[in-house]
C-alpha atoms as a PDB file:
ATOM      1  CA  MET A   1       2.980 -15.599 -23.144  1.00  0.00           C
ATOM      2  CA  LYS A   2       4.659 -13.516 -25.922  1.00  0.00           C
ATOM      3  CA  LYS A   3       4.892  -9.940 -26.072  1.00  0.00           C
ATOM      4  CA  GLY A   4       1.554  -8.379 -27.013  1.00  0.00           C
ATOM      5  CA  ARG A   5      -0.790 -10.744 -25.823  1.00  0.00           C
ATOM      6  CA  ILE A   6      -3.164  -9.351 -23.445  1.00  0.00           C
ATOM      7  CA  ALA A   7      -3.998 -11.017 -19.790  1.00  0.00           C
ATOM      8  CA  GLY A   8      -8.078 -10.342 -20.332  1.00  0.00           C
ATOM      9  CA  ALA A   9      -9.582 -13.186 -17.954  1.00  0.00           C
ATOM     10  CA  PHE A  10      -6.405 -14.446 -15.901  1.00  0.00           C
ATOM     11  CA  CYS A  11      -4.551 -14.590 -18.771  1.00  0.00           C
ATOM     12  CA  THR A  12      -4.104 -17.027 -21.196  1.00  0.00           C
ATOM     13  CA  GLY A  13      -0.787 -17.603 -20.245  1.00  0.00           C
ATOM     14  CA  PHE A  14      -2.128 -18.384 -16.559  1.00  0.00           C
ATOM     15  CA  LEU A  15      -4.589 -21.193 -17.812  1.00  0.00           C
ATOM     16  CA  ALA A  16      -2.784 -22.817 -20.571  1.00  0.00           C
ATOM     17  CA  VAL A  17      -0.797 -26.021 -19.848  1.00  0.00           C
ATOM     18  CA  MET A  18       2.685 -24.860 -20.506  1.00  0.00           C
ATOM     19  CA  THR A  19       6.058 -26.339 -19.334  1.00  0.00           C
ATOM     20  CA  ALA A  20       8.419 -24.625 -17.032  1.00  0.00           C
ATOM     21  CA  GLY A  21      11.669 -23.575 -18.255  1.00  0.00           C
ATOM     22  CA  CYS A  22      14.860 -25.266 -18.090  1.00  0.00           C
ATOM     23  CA  GLY A  23      15.502 -26.433 -14.592  1.00  0.00           C
ATOM     24  CA  ALA A  24      17.056 -24.176 -12.227  1.00  0.00           C
ATOM     25  CA  VAL A  25      20.713 -24.937 -10.943  1.00  0.00           C
ATOM     26  CA  SER A  26      20.221 -22.529  -7.951  1.00  0.00           C
ATOM     27  CA  SER A  27      17.935 -19.367  -7.004  1.00  0.00           C
ATOM     28  CA  GLU A  28      21.060 -17.548  -5.992  1.00  0.00           C
ATOM     29  CA  ASN A  29      20.308 -14.186  -8.469  1.00  0.00           C
ATOM     30  CA  THR A  30      17.288 -14.796  -8.008  1.00  0.00           C
ATOM     31  CA  ASP A  31      17.145 -13.959  -4.145  1.00  0.00           C
ATOM     32  CA  GLN A  32      19.894 -11.312  -4.567  1.00  0.00           C
ATOM     33  CA  GLY A  33      17.638  -9.647  -6.995  1.00  0.00           C
ATOM     34  CA  MET A  34      14.904  -9.747  -4.620  1.00  0.00           C
ATOM     35  CA  GLN A  35      16.652  -8.319  -1.951  1.00  0.00           C
ATOM     36  CA  LEU A  36      17.881  -5.972  -4.090  1.00  0.00           C
ATOM     37  CA  ILE A  37      14.104  -4.709  -4.223  1.00  0.00           C
ATOM     38  CA  GLU A  38      13.596  -4.697  -0.702  1.00  0.00           C
ATOM     39  CA  GLN A  39      16.324  -2.438  -0.787  1.00  0.00           C
ATOM     40  CA  MET A  40      14.763  -0.670  -3.710  1.00  0.00           C
ATOM     41  CA  ASP A  41      17.895  -0.720  -5.962  1.00  0.00           C
ATOM     42  CA  TYR A  42      15.387  -2.095  -8.910  1.00  0.00           C
ATOM     43  CA  GLU A  43      18.494  -1.299 -11.426  1.00  0.00           C
ATOM     44  CA  GLY A  44      20.394  -3.401  -9.192  1.00  0.00           C
ATOM     45  CA  ALA A  45      17.832  -6.383  -9.157  1.00  0.00           C
ATOM     46  CA  LEU A  46      17.485  -6.146 -13.099  1.00  0.00           C
ATOM     47  CA  VAL A  47      21.049  -7.112 -13.481  1.00  0.00           C
ATOM     48  CA  SER A  48      20.928  -9.563 -11.115  1.00  0.00           C
ATOM     49  CA  PHE A  49      17.827 -11.246 -12.530  1.00  0.00           C
ATOM     50  CA  ASP A  50      19.776 -10.955 -16.150  1.00  0.00           C
ATOM     51  CA  ALA A  51      22.639 -12.877 -14.247  1.00  0.00           C
ATOM     52  CA  ALA A  52      19.687 -15.605 -12.938  1.00  0.00           C
ATOM     53  CA  ALA A  53      18.333 -15.922 -16.356  1.00  0.00           C
ATOM     54  CA  ALA A  54      22.027 -16.597 -17.902  1.00  0.00           C
ATOM     55  CA  ASN A  55      22.446 -19.392 -15.034  1.00  0.00           C
ATOM     56  CA  HIS A  56      18.995 -21.147 -15.919  1.00  0.00           C
ATOM     57  CA  GLU A  57      17.202 -20.311 -13.047  1.00  0.00           C
ATOM     58  CA  ASP A  58      13.712 -20.611 -12.562  1.00  0.00           C
ATOM     59  CA  MET A  59      12.236 -18.502 -15.332  1.00  0.00           C
ATOM     60  CA  GLN A  60       8.699 -17.802 -13.820  1.00  0.00           C
ATOM     61  CA  LEU A  61      10.401 -16.333 -10.050  1.00  0.00           C
ATOM     62  CA  ILE A  62      12.817 -14.089 -12.746  1.00  0.00           C
ATOM     63  CA  CYS A  63      10.046 -12.713 -14.697  1.00  0.00           C
ATOM     64  CA  ARG A  64       7.862 -11.973 -11.348  1.00  0.00           C
ATOM     65  CA  GLY A  65      11.169 -10.221 -10.539  1.00  0.00           C
ATOM     66  CA  GLN A  66      11.574  -8.420 -13.307  1.00  0.00           C
ATOM     67  CA  GLY A  67       8.281  -7.118 -13.139  1.00  0.00           C
ATOM     68  CA  LEU A  68       8.255  -6.205  -9.726  1.00  0.00           C
ATOM     69  CA  ALA A  69      11.490  -3.944 -10.293  1.00  0.00           C
ATOM     70  CA  TYR A  70       9.917  -2.191 -13.393  1.00  0.00           C
ATOM     71  CA  MET A  71       7.169  -1.881 -10.987  1.00  0.00           C
ATOM     72  CA  GLY A  72       9.580   0.121  -8.665  1.00  0.00           C
ATOM     73  CA  LEU A  73      10.987   2.227 -11.495  1.00  0.00           C
ATOM     74  CA  THR A  74       7.361   3.233 -12.790  1.00  0.00           C
ATOM     75  CA  ASP A  75       7.909   1.504 -16.020  1.00  0.00           C
ATOM     76  CA  TYR A  76       4.686   0.072 -16.283  1.00  0.00           C
ATOM     77  CA  GLU A  77       4.707  -1.164 -19.355  1.00  0.00           C
ATOM     78  CA  ASN A  78       7.788  -3.363 -18.984  1.00  0.00           C
ATOM     79  CA  ALA A  79       6.458  -4.398 -15.722  1.00  0.00           C
ATOM     80  CA  VAL A  80       3.096  -5.705 -17.405  1.00  0.00           C
ATOM     81  CA  GLN A  81       5.312  -7.523 -20.063  1.00  0.00           C
ATOM     82  CA  SER A  82       7.128  -9.205 -17.580  1.00  0.00           C
ATOM     83  CA  LEU A  83       4.536 -10.386 -15.313  1.00  0.00           C
ATOM     84  CA  GLU A  84       2.316 -11.403 -18.687  1.00  0.00           C
ATOM     85  CA  THR A  85       5.500 -13.712 -19.614  1.00  0.00           C
ATOM     86  CA  ALA A  86       5.671 -14.920 -16.055  1.00  0.00           C
ATOM     87  CA  LEU A  87       2.458 -16.588 -16.517  1.00  0.00           C
ATOM     88  CA  SER A  88       3.456 -18.240 -19.638  1.00  0.00           C
ATOM     89  CA  TYR A  89       5.683 -20.290 -17.364  1.00  0.00           C
ATOM     90  CA  SER A  90       2.976 -21.498 -15.488  1.00  0.00           C
ATOM     91  CA  GLY A  91       2.418 -25.446 -15.352  1.00  0.00           C
ATOM     92  CA  PRO A  92      -0.622 -27.167 -15.660  1.00  0.00           C
ATOM     93  CA  GLY A  93      -2.028 -26.700 -12.389  1.00  0.00           C
ATOM     94  CA  ILE A  94      -3.257 -23.435 -10.721  1.00  0.00           C
ATOM     95  CA  GLU A  95      -0.544 -22.566  -7.890  1.00  0.00           C
ATOM     96  CA  GLN A  96      -0.610 -19.977  -5.190  1.00  0.00           C
ATOM     97  CA  LEU A  97       2.329 -18.271  -7.382  1.00  0.00           C
ATOM     98  CA  ASP A  98       0.039 -17.649 -10.293  1.00  0.00           C
ATOM     99  CA  PHE A  99      -2.632 -15.732  -7.880  1.00  0.00           C
ATOM    100  CA  ASP A 100       0.329 -14.104  -6.571  1.00  0.00           C
ATOM    101  CA  ILE A 101       1.689 -12.863  -9.630  1.00  0.00           C
ATOM    102  CA  ASN A 102      -2.257 -11.626 -10.804  1.00  0.00           C
ATOM    103  CA  TYR A 103      -2.200  -9.517  -8.002  1.00  0.00           C
ATOM    104  CA  TYR A 104       0.966  -7.987  -9.023  1.00  0.00           C
ATOM    105  CA  LEU A 105      -0.700  -7.801 -12.856  1.00  0.00           C
ATOM    106  CA  ALA A 106      -3.618  -6.389 -11.855  1.00  0.00           C
ATOM    107  CA  ASN A 107      -1.561  -3.338  -9.927  1.00  0.00           C
ATOM    108  CA  ALA A 108       0.759  -2.857 -13.084  1.00  0.00           C
ATOM    109  CA  TYR A 109      -2.433  -2.632 -15.273  1.00  0.00           C
ATOM    110  CA  TYR A 110      -4.092  -0.243 -12.841  1.00  0.00           C
ATOM    111  CA  LYS A 111      -0.732   1.956 -12.387  1.00  0.00           C
ATOM    112  CA  SER A 112      -0.469   2.195 -16.217  1.00  0.00           C
ATOM    113  CA  GLY A 113      -4.024   3.311 -16.555  1.00  0.00           C
ATOM    114  CA  ASP A 114      -5.976   0.394 -17.784  1.00  0.00           C
ATOM    115  CA  ILE A 115      -8.457  -0.043 -14.903  1.00  0.00           C
ATOM    116  CA  ASN A 116     -10.595  -2.052 -17.014  1.00  0.00           C
ATOM    117  CA  LYS A 117      -7.793  -4.994 -17.494  1.00  0.00           C
ATOM    118  CA  ALA A 118      -7.093  -4.824 -14.018  1.00  0.00           C
ATOM    119  CA  VAL A 119     -10.570  -5.112 -13.455  1.00  0.00           C
ATOM    120  CA  GLY A 120     -10.451  -8.178 -15.488  1.00  0.00           C
ATOM    121  CA  VAL A 121      -7.544  -9.865 -13.377  1.00  0.00           C
ATOM    122  CA  TYR A 122      -9.275  -9.524 -10.288  1.00  0.00           C
ATOM    123  CA  GLN A 123     -12.688 -11.116 -11.846  1.00  0.00           C
ATOM    124  CA  ALA A 124     -10.899 -13.770 -13.137  1.00  0.00           C
ATOM    125  CA  ILE A 125      -9.109 -14.505  -9.792  1.00  0.00           C
ATOM    126  CA  THR A 126     -12.548 -14.750  -7.944  1.00  0.00           C
ATOM    127  CA  ASP A 127     -14.146 -17.000 -11.055  1.00  0.00           C
ATOM    128  CA  LEU A 128     -11.380 -19.531  -9.947  1.00  0.00           C
ATOM    129  CA  ARG A 129     -11.451 -18.471  -6.004  1.00  0.00           C
ATOM    130  CA  PRO A 130     -14.749 -17.223  -5.004  1.00  0.00           C
ATOM    131  CA  GLU A 131     -13.703 -17.210  -1.367  1.00  0.00           C
ATOM    132  CA  GLU A 132     -11.239 -14.559  -2.430  1.00  0.00           C
ATOM    133  CA  LYS A 133     -12.109 -11.573  -0.636  1.00  0.00           C
ATOM    134  CA  THR A 134      -9.008  -9.680  -1.251  1.00  0.00           C
ATOM    135  CA  ALA A 135      -9.980  -9.474  -5.413  1.00  0.00           C
ATOM    136  CA  TRP A 136     -13.354  -8.950  -4.700  1.00  0.00           C
ATOM    137  CA  TYR A 137     -12.528  -5.972  -2.597  1.00  0.00           C
ATOM    138  CA  LEU A 138     -10.050  -4.642  -4.875  1.00  0.00           C
ATOM    139  CA  LYS A 139     -12.535  -5.024  -7.721  1.00  0.00           C
ATOM    140  CA  GLY A 140     -14.756  -2.741  -5.990  1.00  0.00           C
ATOM    141  CA  THR A 141     -12.511  -0.160  -5.563  1.00  0.00           C
ATOM    142  CA  MET A 142     -11.481  -0.354  -9.398  1.00  0.00           C
ATOM    143  CA  GLU A 143     -15.276  -0.167  -9.840  1.00  0.00           C
ATOM    144  CA  LEU A 144     -15.458   3.563  -7.750  1.00  0.00           C
ATOM    145  CA  GLU A 145     -12.820   4.988  -9.444  1.00  0.00           C
ATOM    146  CA  LEU A 146     -14.410   4.148 -13.265  1.00  0.00           C
ATOM    147  CA  GLY A 147     -18.075   5.632 -11.648  1.00  0.00           C
ATOM    148  CA  ILE A 148     -19.702   2.349 -11.304  1.00  0.00           C
ATOM    149  CA  PRO A 149     -20.594   2.421  -7.381  1.00  0.00           C
ATOM    150  CA  GLU A 150     -23.652  -0.089  -8.029  1.00  0.00           C
ATOM    151  CA  ALA A 151     -21.253  -2.595  -8.966  1.00  0.00           C
ATOM    152  CA  ALA A 152     -18.570  -1.671  -6.342  1.00  0.00           C
ATOM    153  CA  GLN A 153     -20.985  -2.037  -3.696  1.00  0.00           C
ATOM    154  CA  ALA A 154     -22.024  -5.610  -4.909  1.00  0.00           C
ATOM    155  CA  ASP A 155     -18.316  -6.488  -4.863  1.00  0.00           C
ATOM    156  CA  PHE A 156     -18.044  -5.161  -1.609  1.00  0.00           C
ATOM    157  CA  ASP A 157     -20.920  -7.026  -0.071  1.00  0.00           C
ATOM    158  CA  ARG A 158     -19.563 -10.089  -1.859  1.00  0.00           C
ATOM    159  CA  ALA A 159     -15.682  -9.709   0.186  1.00  0.00           C
ATOM    160  CA  ILE A 160     -18.125  -9.136   3.636  1.00  0.00           C
ATOM    161  CA  GLY A 161     -19.576 -12.242   3.002  1.00  0.00           C
ATOM    162  CA  VAL A 162     -16.566 -14.409   3.034  1.00  0.00           C
ATOM    163  CA  ASP A 163     -15.474 -13.035   5.869  1.00  0.00           C
ATOM    164  CA  SER A 164     -18.377 -10.847   8.080  1.00  0.00           C
ATOM    165  CA  LYS A 165     -15.556 -10.474  11.376  1.00  0.00           C
ATOM    166  CA  ASP A 166     -12.470  -9.101   9.067  1.00  0.00           C
ATOM    167  CA  TYR A 167     -12.796  -5.290  10.657  1.00  0.00           C
ATOM    168  CA  ASP A 168      -9.870  -4.658   8.644  1.00  0.00           C
ATOM    169  CA  LEU A 169     -12.061  -4.720   5.432  1.00  0.00           C
ATOM    170  CA  TYR A 170     -14.933  -2.624   6.651  1.00  0.00           C
ATOM    171  CA  VAL A 171     -11.964   0.314   7.481  1.00  0.00           C
ATOM    172  CA  ASP A 172     -10.329  -0.369   3.611  1.00  0.00           C
ATOM    173  CA  ILE A 173     -13.596  -0.287   1.973  1.00  0.00           C
ATOM    174  CA  TYR A 174     -14.733   2.931   3.627  1.00  0.00           C
ATOM    175  CA  ARG A 175     -11.558   4.549   2.827  1.00  0.00           C
ATOM    176  CA  SER A 176     -12.281   3.415  -0.737  1.00  0.00           C
ATOM    177  CA  CYS A 177     -15.268   5.043  -0.781  1.00  0.00           C
ATOM    178  CA  ASP A 178     -13.806   8.249   1.193  1.00  0.00           C
ATOM    179  CA  LYS A 179     -11.611   8.267  -1.860  1.00  0.00           C
ATOM    180  CA  PHE A 180     -13.537   8.558  -4.496  1.00  0.00           C
ATOM    181  CA  GLY A 181     -16.408  10.713  -3.059  1.00  0.00           C
ATOM    182  CA  GLN A 182     -18.804   7.640  -1.850  1.00  0.00           C
ATOM    183  CA  GLN A 183     -18.508   9.016   1.894  1.00  0.00           C
ATOM    184  CA  GLU A 184     -22.381   7.805   2.939  1.00  0.00           C
ATOM    185  CA  MET A 185     -21.576   4.049   1.279  1.00  0.00           C
ATOM    186  CA  GLY A 186     -18.340   3.850   3.318  1.00  0.00           C
ATOM    187  CA  ALA A 187     -19.965   4.935   6.491  1.00  0.00           C
ATOM    188  CA  ALA A 188     -23.165   2.702   5.996  1.00  0.00           C
ATOM    189  CA  TYR A 189     -20.608  -0.613   6.231  1.00  0.00           C
ATOM    190  CA  LEU A 190     -19.165   1.069   9.224  1.00  0.00           C
ATOM    191  CA  GLN A 191     -22.253   1.880  11.415  1.00  0.00           C
ATOM    192  CA  THR A 192     -23.264  -1.678  10.134  1.00  0.00           C
ATOM    193  CA  VAL A 193     -20.465  -2.961  12.646  1.00  0.00           C
ATOM    194  CA  LEU A 194     -21.083  -0.669  15.050  1.00  0.00           C
ATOM    195  CA  GLN A 195     -25.150  -1.523  15.057  1.00  0.00           C
ATOM    196  CA  ASP A 196     -24.434  -5.305  15.225  1.00  0.00           C
ATOM    197  CA  GLU A 197     -25.052  -6.377  19.114  1.00  0.00           C
ATOM    198  CA  ASN A 198     -23.573  -9.873  18.016  1.00  0.00           C
ATOM    199  CA  ALA A 199     -20.033  -8.550  17.455  1.00  0.00           C
ATOM    200  CA  ARG A 200     -18.842  -7.736  20.182  1.00  0.00           C
ATOM    201  CA  LEU A 201     -16.080  -5.216  19.144  1.00  0.00           C
ATOM    202  CA  SER A 202     -13.245  -4.561  21.386  1.00  0.00           C
ATOM    203  CA  ASP A 203     -12.547  -1.080  22.371  1.00  0.00           C
ATOM    204  CA  TYR A 204     -10.087  -0.807  19.168  1.00  0.00           C
ATOM    205  CA  ASN A 205     -12.576  -1.741  16.788  1.00  0.00           C
ATOM    206  CA  LYS A 206     -15.294   0.518  18.185  1.00  0.00           C
ATOM    207  CA  GLY A 207     -12.673   3.201  18.310  1.00  0.00           C
ATOM    208  CA  ARG A 208     -11.656   3.397  14.657  1.00  0.00           C
ATOM    209  CA  MET A 209     -15.097   2.492  13.486  1.00  0.00           C
ATOM    210  CA  ASN A 210     -16.301   5.564  15.328  1.00  0.00           C
ATOM    211  CA  PHE A 211     -12.896   7.361  14.146  1.00  0.00           C
ATOM    212  CA  TYR A 212     -13.719   6.930  10.297  1.00  0.00           C
ATOM    213  CA  MET A 213     -17.175   8.093  10.933  1.00  0.00           C
ATOM    214  CA  GLY A 214     -16.492  11.650  12.605  1.00  0.00           C
ATOM    215  CA  ASN A 215     -17.620  10.642  16.133  1.00  0.00           C
ATOM    216  CA  TYR A 216     -14.096  11.878  17.742  1.00  0.00           C
ATOM    217  CA  GLU A 217     -15.725  11.903  21.160  1.00  0.00           C
ATOM    218  CA  ASP A 218     -16.962   7.949  21.424  1.00  0.00           C
ATOM    219  CA  ALA A 219     -13.388   7.454  19.375  1.00  0.00           C
ATOM    220  CA  ARG A 220     -11.422   8.832  21.779  1.00  0.00           C
ATOM    221  CA  LEU A 221     -12.910   7.214  25.093  1.00  0.00           C
ATOM    222  CA  ALA A 222     -12.883   3.665  23.346  1.00  0.00           C
ATOM    223  CA  LEU A 223      -9.240   4.330  22.161  1.00  0.00           C
ATOM    224  CA  GLU A 224      -8.214   5.386  25.177  1.00  0.00           C
ATOM    225  CA  SER A 225      -9.323   2.139  26.870  1.00  0.00           C
ATOM    226  CA  ALA A 226      -7.688   0.594  23.986  1.00  0.00           C
ATOM    227  CA  LYS A 227      -4.341   2.785  24.152  1.00  0.00           C
ATOM    228  CA  GLU A 228      -2.358   0.168  26.376  1.00  0.00           C
ATOM    229  CA  THR A 229      -3.360  -3.014  24.163  1.00  0.00           C
ATOM    230  CA  GLY A 230      -4.245  -2.048  20.790  1.00  0.00           C
ATOM    231  CA  GLY A 231      -0.670  -1.431  19.625  1.00  0.00           C
ATOM    232  CA  ALA A 232       0.608   1.491  16.993  1.00  0.00           C
ATOM    233  CA  GLU A 233      -2.242   1.572  15.156  1.00  0.00           C
ATOM    234  CA  ALA A 234      -4.625   2.412  18.611  1.00  0.00           C
ATOM    235  CA  ALA A 235      -2.044   4.721  19.754  1.00  0.00           C
ATOM    236  CA  SER A 236      -1.744   6.953  15.883  1.00  0.00           C
ATOM    237  CA  LEU A 237      -5.306   6.671  15.645  1.00  0.00           C
ATOM    238  CA  LEU A 238      -5.922   8.161  19.368  1.00  0.00           C
ATOM    239  CA  GLY A 239      -3.337  10.816  18.602  1.00  0.00           C
ATOM    240  CA  GLN A 240      -5.094  11.613  15.636  1.00  0.00           C
ATOM    241  CA  THR A 241      -8.537  12.139  17.515  1.00  0.00           C
ATOM    242  CA  TYR A 242      -7.057  14.364  19.663  1.00  0.00           C
ATOM    243  CA  GLU A 243      -5.774  16.289  16.661  1.00  0.00           C
ATOM    244  CA  GLN A 244      -9.103  16.103  15.432  1.00  0.00           C
ATOM    245  CA  LEU A 245     -10.478  17.276  18.341  1.00  0.00           C
ATOM    246  CA  GLY A 246      -8.302  20.681  18.498  1.00  0.00           C
ATOM    247  CA  ASP A 247      -5.869  19.346  21.167  1.00  0.00           C
ATOM    248  CA  TYR A 248      -2.562  19.271  19.132  1.00  0.00           C
ATOM    249  CA  ASN A 249      -0.022  19.034  22.417  1.00  0.00           C
ATOM    250  CA  TYR A 250      -2.100  16.137  23.723  1.00  0.00           C
ATOM    251  CA  ALA A 251      -1.829  14.289  20.456  1.00  0.00           C
ATOM    252  CA  ALA A 252       1.979  14.695  19.865  1.00  0.00           C
ATOM    253  CA  SER A 253       2.056  13.857  23.829  1.00  0.00           C
ATOM    254  CA  VAL A 254       0.017  10.096  23.151  1.00  0.00           C
ATOM    255  CA  TYR A 255       2.615   9.611  20.249  1.00  0.00           C
ATOM    256  CA  SER A 256       5.499  10.535  22.374  1.00  0.00           C
ATOM    257  CA  ASN A 257       4.393   8.262  25.264  1.00  0.00           C
ATOM    258  CA  TYR A 258       4.257   5.253  22.695  1.00  0.00           C
ATOM    259  CA  LEU A 259       7.258   5.990  21.270  1.00  0.00           C
ATOM    260  CA  GLU A 260       9.337   6.197  24.803  1.00  0.00           C
ATOM    261  CA  THR A 261       7.252   2.663  26.107  1.00  0.00           C
ATOM    262  CA  LYS A 262       6.709   0.533  23.101  1.00  0.00           C
ATOM    263  CA  GLN A 263       8.742  -0.544  20.109  1.00  0.00           C
ATOM    264  CA  PRO A 264       9.957   2.010  17.710  1.00  0.00           C
ATOM    265  CA  ASP A 265       7.371   2.520  14.968  1.00  0.00           C
ATOM    266  CA  ALA A 266       7.741   4.462  11.613  1.00  0.00           C
ATOM    267  CA  SER A 267       4.254   5.360  11.408  1.00  0.00           C
ATOM    268  CA  ILE A 268       3.943   6.832  15.208  1.00  0.00           C
ATOM    269  CA  TYR A 269       7.133   8.979  14.317  1.00  0.00           C
ATOM    270  CA  ASN A 270       5.338   9.993  10.877  1.00  0.00           C
ATOM    271  CA  GLN A 271       2.402  11.313  12.724  1.00  0.00           C
ATOM    272  CA  LEU A 272       4.519  12.892  15.618  1.00  0.00           C
ATOM    273  CA  GLY A 273       6.267  14.954  12.880  1.00  0.00           C
ATOM    274  CA  ILE A 274       3.165  15.865  10.907  1.00  0.00           C
ATOM    275  CA  CYS A 275       1.752  17.219  14.813  1.00  0.00           C
ATOM    276  CA  ARG A 276       4.895  18.698  15.295  1.00  0.00           C
ATOM    277  CA  LEU A 277       4.535  20.892  12.244  1.00  0.00           C
ATOM    278  CA  LYS A 278       1.260  21.663  12.673  1.00  0.00           C
ATOM    279  CA  VAL A 279       2.073  23.613  16.153  1.00  0.00           C
ATOM    280  CA  GLY A 280       5.043  24.879  14.173  1.00  0.00           C
ATOM    281  CA  ASP A 281       7.995  23.252  16.028  1.00  0.00           C
ATOM    282  CA  TYR A 282       9.787  22.595  12.762  1.00  0.00           C
ATOM    283  CA  GLU A 283      12.857  20.980  14.669  1.00  0.00           C
ATOM    284  CA  GLY A 284      11.139  18.645  16.462  1.00  0.00           C
ATOM    285  CA  ALA A 285       9.072  17.537  13.413  1.00  0.00           C
ATOM    286  CA  LEU A 286      12.383  17.168  11.420  1.00  0.00           C
ATOM    287  CA  GLU A 287      13.659  14.722  14.132  1.00  0.00           C
ATOM    288  CA  ALA A 288      10.874  12.509  14.325  1.00  0.00           C
ATOM    289  CA  PHE A 289      10.557  11.936  10.630  1.00  0.00           C
ATOM    290  CA  GLN A 290      14.426  10.884  10.535  1.00  0.00           C
ATOM    291  CA  ALA A 291      14.158   9.122  13.654  1.00  0.00           C
ATOM    292  CA  GLY A 292      11.426   7.057  11.791  1.00  0.00           C
ATOM    293  CA  LEU A 293      13.572   6.967   8.507  1.00  0.00           C
ATOM    294  CA  ALA A 294      15.960   5.143  10.713  1.00  0.00           C
ATOM    295  CA  ILE A 295      14.136   2.376  11.688  1.00  0.00           C
ATOM    296  CA  GLU A 296      14.844  -0.223   8.790  1.00  0.00           C
ATOM    297  CA  GLY A 297      12.147  -2.325   6.728  1.00  0.00           C
ATOM    298  CA  ASN A 298       9.293   0.166   7.486  1.00  0.00           C
ATOM    299  CA  THR A 299       6.698   0.773   5.038  1.00  0.00           C
ATOM    300  CA  MET A 300       6.350   4.497   5.505  1.00  0.00           C
ATOM    301  CA  THR A 301       9.296   5.265   3.977  1.00  0.00           C
ATOM    302  CA  GLN A 302       8.087   7.545   0.896  1.00  0.00           C
ATOM    303  CA  SER A 303       5.872   9.325   3.276  1.00  0.00           C
ATOM    304  CA  LEU A 304       8.567   9.775   5.925  1.00  0.00           C
ATOM    305  CA  ARG A 305      10.933  11.366   3.016  1.00  0.00           C
ATOM    306  CA  PHE A 306       8.745  13.636   1.867  1.00  0.00           C
ATOM    307  CA  ASN A 307       7.716  14.918   5.028  1.00  0.00           C
ATOM    308  CA  GLU A 308      11.418  15.710   5.878  1.00  0.00           C
ATOM    309  CA  ILE A 309      11.597  17.416   2.923  1.00  0.00           C
ATOM    310  CA  VAL A 310       8.665  19.915   4.092  1.00  0.00           C
ATOM    311  CA  ALA A 311      10.198  20.153   7.495  1.00  0.00           C
ATOM    312  CA  TYR A 312      13.454  21.349   5.799  1.00  0.00           C
ATOM    313  CA  GLU A 313      11.212  23.766   3.794  1.00  0.00           C
ATOM    314  CA  HIS A 314       9.760  25.102   7.284  1.00  0.00           C
ATOM    315  CA  LEU A 315      13.023  25.573   8.516  1.00  0.00           C
ATOM    316  CA  GLY A 316      14.117  27.311   5.673  1.00  0.00           C
ATOM    317  CA  GLN A 317      17.033  24.757   4.385  1.00  0.00           C
ATOM    318  CA  PHE A 318      15.931  25.137   1.046  1.00  0.00           C
ATOM    319  CA  SER A 319      19.406  23.384  -0.056  1.00  0.00           C
ATOM    320  CA  GLN A 320      19.080  20.558   2.273  1.00  0.00           C
ATOM    321  CA  ALA A 321      15.222  20.162   1.152  1.00  0.00           C
ATOM    322  CA  ARG A 322      16.524  20.098  -2.816  1.00  0.00           C
ATOM    323  CA  ILE A 323      19.033  17.245  -2.179  1.00  0.00           C
ATOM    324  CA  ALA A 324      16.541  15.681  -0.701  1.00  0.00           C
ATOM    325  CA  MET A 325      13.866  16.021  -3.264  1.00  0.00           C
ATOM    326  CA  GLU A 326      16.252  15.005  -5.581  1.00  0.00           C
ATOM    327  CA  GLN A 327      17.039  11.792  -4.044  1.00  0.00           C
ATOM    328  CA  TYR A 328      13.477  11.163  -3.351  1.00  0.00           C
ATOM    329  CA  LEU A 329      12.277  11.354  -7.087  1.00  0.00           C
ATOM    330  CA  ARG A 330      14.987   8.632  -8.169  1.00  0.00           C
ATOM    331  CA  LEU A 331      13.324   6.676  -6.061  1.00  0.00           C
ATOM    332  CA  TYR A 332       9.551   7.834  -6.597  1.00  0.00           C
ATOM    333  CA  PRO A 333       9.542   9.631 -10.050  1.00  0.00           C
ATOM    334  CA  ASP A 334       5.804   9.155 -10.644  1.00  0.00           C
ATOM    335  CA  ASP A 335       5.145  11.515  -7.900  1.00  0.00           C
ATOM    336  CA  GLU A 336       3.469  14.658  -9.413  1.00  0.00           C
ATOM    337  CA  LYS A 337       3.288  16.057  -6.486  1.00  0.00           C
ATOM    338  CA  ALA A 338       6.456  16.177  -5.553  1.00  0.00           C
ATOM    339  CA  GLN A 339       7.476  16.988  -9.442  1.00  0.00           C
ATOM    340  CA  GLN A 340       5.774  20.250  -8.740  1.00  0.00           C
ATOM    341  CA  GLU A 341       7.680  20.917  -5.339  1.00  0.00           C
ATOM    342  CA  TYR A 342      11.112  20.420  -6.776  1.00  0.00           C
ATOM    343  CA  VAL A 343      10.203  23.223  -9.307  1.00  0.00           C
ATOM    344  CA  PHE A 344       9.521  25.473  -6.462  1.00  0.00           C
ATOM    345  CA  LEU A 345      12.770  24.386  -4.692  1.00  0.00           C
ATOM    346  CA  GLN A 346      14.920  25.529  -7.682  1.00  0.00           C
ATOM    347  CA  THR A 347      13.908  28.746  -7.208  1.00  0.00           C
ATOM    348  CA  ARG A 348      14.743  29.636  -4.123  1.00  0.00           C
END
């Protein structure tokens, strides 16, 4: 797709019959670029993708990678252009890669502030794949942000209609509703699950449904039964339940016991650190956040880095906090809360 053309209903480039670029002689530079994205070296990734283009590697994968690198740099305008260009290399058939690119494109539209275009992409995905529950859910979430909850509810219902036993989906819907002030709508989905006599819910699912509904005593009972088999999320929710019940010391023991007996988990370290912050154990909080950051490939890096800065501040280590914040903002430059905090740190 040429620069300036808009990906409306799945992009004209997505549906057009177009030839792929020159036959790729290798994928070495493209692969290297994707590895650098995983390491959050987005500028280095762009250099690798430029080398991949010069080496006549697969242009669709190159442009997709460039889009992801620009997303990492929060340069959403170039991300959109790169992902639209990636779609212009689609062949006559609709491949899984085309759907993958469109999910990224919708996110790029959203991040750039063009929510309506994001909705259009999700609509096009569901037009082609009516069973694509993730697209229905994401479209509904966008509609909540646009202030049209009726449309959102209809799309959430379509998502659940695809797979009524996907309890993660119910929780995701609740979280989206909660975020945009539609708690009653979200709670109704969870209540439907709890009242379904045929659901045969596990203790973990009973516990988390009750947790998000605010039924903390019921959540505690179910999650205590699930903690041995429920994994990291069950332990995290059990600890958070005790926090909600005001027992921070026991909550911390739940997190610590999990970490002592199970695999290291960044999300549990993050929760343990937050809990220690609440009880004033700032040294312990800092240790927990740094232990989480030491786990390679974790998905909690942004939260852990920010919380590490908070711990430094509570300890009065403002120079360390300022250095860590500068590193944080290089990785996450669009975090407005962090930008405001950095202004404060510069005065200390």
